[in-house]
C-alpha atoms as a PDB file:
ATOM      1  CA  MET A   1     199.976  37.602 310.369  1.00  0.00           C
ATOM      2  CA  ALA A   2     203.528  37.200 311.702  1.00  0.00           C
ATOM      3  CA  THR A   3     205.194  40.192 313.331  1.00  0.00           C
ATOM      4  CA  LYS A   4     208.120  41.543 311.321  1.00  0.00           C
ATOM      5  CA  ILE A   5     211.493  41.499 313.029  1.00  0.00           C
ATOM      6  CA  SER A   6     213.537  44.582 312.181  1.00  0.00           C
ATOM      7  CA  MET A   7     216.604  43.762 314.294  1.00  0.00           C
ATOM      8  CA  LEU A   8     218.247  40.796 315.952  1.00  0.00           C
ATOM      9  CA  ALA A   9     220.568  41.708 318.831  1.00  0.00           C
ATOM     10  CA  ILE A  10     222.914  38.821 319.587  1.00  0.00           C
ATOM     11  CA  ASP A  11     225.100  38.325 322.658  1.00  0.00           C
ATOM     12  CA  LEU A  12     227.825  35.986 321.431  1.00  0.00           C
ATOM     13  CA  ALA A  13     229.311  33.233 323.586  1.00  0.00           C
ATOM     14  CA  LYS A  14     230.994  29.860 323.135  1.00  0.00           C
ATOM     15  CA  GLY A  15     228.101  27.423 323.397  1.00  0.00           C
ATOM     16  CA  SER A  16     224.844  29.346 323.638  1.00  0.00           C
ATOM     17  CA  PHE A  17     223.849  32.773 322.374  1.00  0.00           C
ATOM     18  CA  GLN A  18     221.273  35.186 323.748  1.00  0.00           C
ATOM     19  CA  VAL A  19     219.117  36.531 320.893  1.00  0.00           C
ATOM     20  CA  CYS A  20     216.723  39.458 321.272  1.00  0.00           C
ATOM     21  CA  ALA A  21     214.329  40.124 318.384  1.00  0.00           C
ATOM     22  CA  VAL A  22     213.034  43.683 318.061  1.00  0.00           C
ATOM     23  CA  GLY A  23     210.059  44.839 315.991  1.00  0.00           C
ATOM     24  CA  PRO A  24     209.892  47.972 313.822  1.00  0.00           C
ATOM     25  CA  ASP A  25     208.382  49.992 316.687  1.00  0.00           C
ATOM     26  CA  GLY A  26     211.129  48.963 319.137  1.00  0.00           C
ATOM     27  CA  THR A  27     209.139  46.355 321.044  1.00  0.00           C
ATOM     28  CA  VAL A  28     210.946  43.212 322.161  1.00  0.00           C
ATOM     29  CA  LEU A  29     209.328  40.287 320.366  1.00  0.00           C
ATOM     30  CA  TYR A  30     211.372  37.612 322.104  1.00  0.00           C
ATOM     31  CA  ASN A  31     214.584  37.140 324.048  1.00  0.00           C
ATOM     32  CA  ARG A  32     215.888  33.585 324.159  1.00  0.00           C
ATOM     33  CA  ALA A  33     219.025  31.492 324.347  1.00  0.00           C
ATOM     34  CA  LEU A  34     219.993  29.531 321.232  1.00  0.00           C
ATOM     35  CA  SER A  35     222.655  26.945 320.461  1.00  0.00           C
ATOM     36  CA  ARG A  36     225.235  27.501 317.700  1.00  0.00           C
ATOM     37  CA  THR A  37     223.269  25.252 315.360  1.00  0.00           C
ATOM     38  CA  ARG A  38     219.970  26.977 316.083  1.00  0.00           C
ATOM     39  CA  LEU A  39     221.511  30.459 315.654  1.00  0.00           C
ATOM     40  CA  ALA A  40     222.845  29.481 312.220  1.00  0.00           C
ATOM     41  CA  ALA A  41     219.399  28.131 311.292  1.00  0.00           C
ATOM     42  CA  LEU A  42     217.674  31.288 312.562  1.00  0.00           C
ATOM     43  CA  LEU A  43     219.926  33.504 310.436  1.00  0.00           C
ATOM     44  CA  ALA A  44     219.181  31.327 307.395  1.00  0.00           C
ATOM     45  CA  GLU A  45     215.380  31.288 307.976  1.00  0.00           C
ATOM     46  CA  GLN A  46     214.874  34.892 309.088  1.00  0.00           C
ATOM     47  CA  PRO A  47     213.842  37.453 306.449  1.00  0.00           C
ATOM     48  CA  THR A  48     216.515  40.120 306.054  1.00  0.00           C
ATOM     49  CA  CYS A  49     216.949  42.474 308.991  1.00  0.00           C
ATOM     50  CA  ILE A  50     219.660  44.290 310.931  1.00  0.00           C
ATOM     51  CA  VAL A  51     221.879  42.018 313.024  1.00  0.00           C
ATOM     52  CA  ALA A  52     223.695  43.710 315.924  1.00  0.00           C
ATOM     53  CA  MET A  53     226.379  42.108 318.070  1.00  0.00           C
ATOM     54  CA  GLU A  54     229.342  43.150 320.165  1.00  0.00           C
ATOM     55  CA  ALA A  55     232.866  43.115 318.800  1.00  0.00           C
ATOM     56  CA  CYS A  56     234.651  39.991 319.996  1.00  0.00           C
ATOM     57  CA  ALA A  57     236.721  37.116 318.658  1.00  0.00           C
ATOM     58  CA  THR A  58     233.801  35.380 316.914  1.00  0.00           C
ATOM     59  CA  SER A  59     231.836  38.426 315.759  1.00  0.00           C
ATOM     60  CA  HIS A  60     233.483  38.433 312.323  1.00  0.00           C
ATOM     61  CA  HIS A  61     232.515  34.797 311.754  1.00  0.00           C
ATOM     62  CA  TRP A  62     228.875  35.339 312.769  1.00  0.00           C
ATOM     63  CA  GLY A  63     228.761  38.599 310.822  1.00  0.00           C
ATOM     64  CA  ARG A  64     229.788  36.753 307.653  1.00  0.00           C
ATOM     65  CA  VAL A  65     227.186  34.052 308.322  1.00  0.00           C
ATOM     66  CA  ALA A  66     224.490  36.723 308.674  1.00  0.00           C
ATOM     67  CA  GLN A  67     225.646  38.596 305.559  1.00  0.00           C
ATOM     68  CA  ARG A  68     225.539  35.393 303.490  1.00  0.00           C
ATOM     69  CA  HIS A  69     221.802  35.312 304.203  1.00  0.00           C
ATOM     70  CA  GLY A  70     221.268  38.969 303.224  1.00  0.00           C
ATOM     71  CA  HIS A  71     221.253  40.576 306.672  1.00  0.00           C
ATOM     72  CA  GLU A  72     222.796  43.978 307.372  1.00  0.00           C
ATOM     73  CA  VAL A  73     225.418  43.549 310.101  1.00  0.00           C
END
């Protein structure tokens, strides 16, 4: 059985993004760097969860991408 991700914490950057997946009990499931393309694919594939990111120039764009796939930003 796959572990459920309750939150994705994303550190936004220009070319690669650091993504930390957190389970319902607060454990870190993974922490990895992803490209722009892979981050978009992850948000599309991932069952709905909370997506947290810092406020910066591109946060509104990535927030809209996440919301299009049902995530709470």
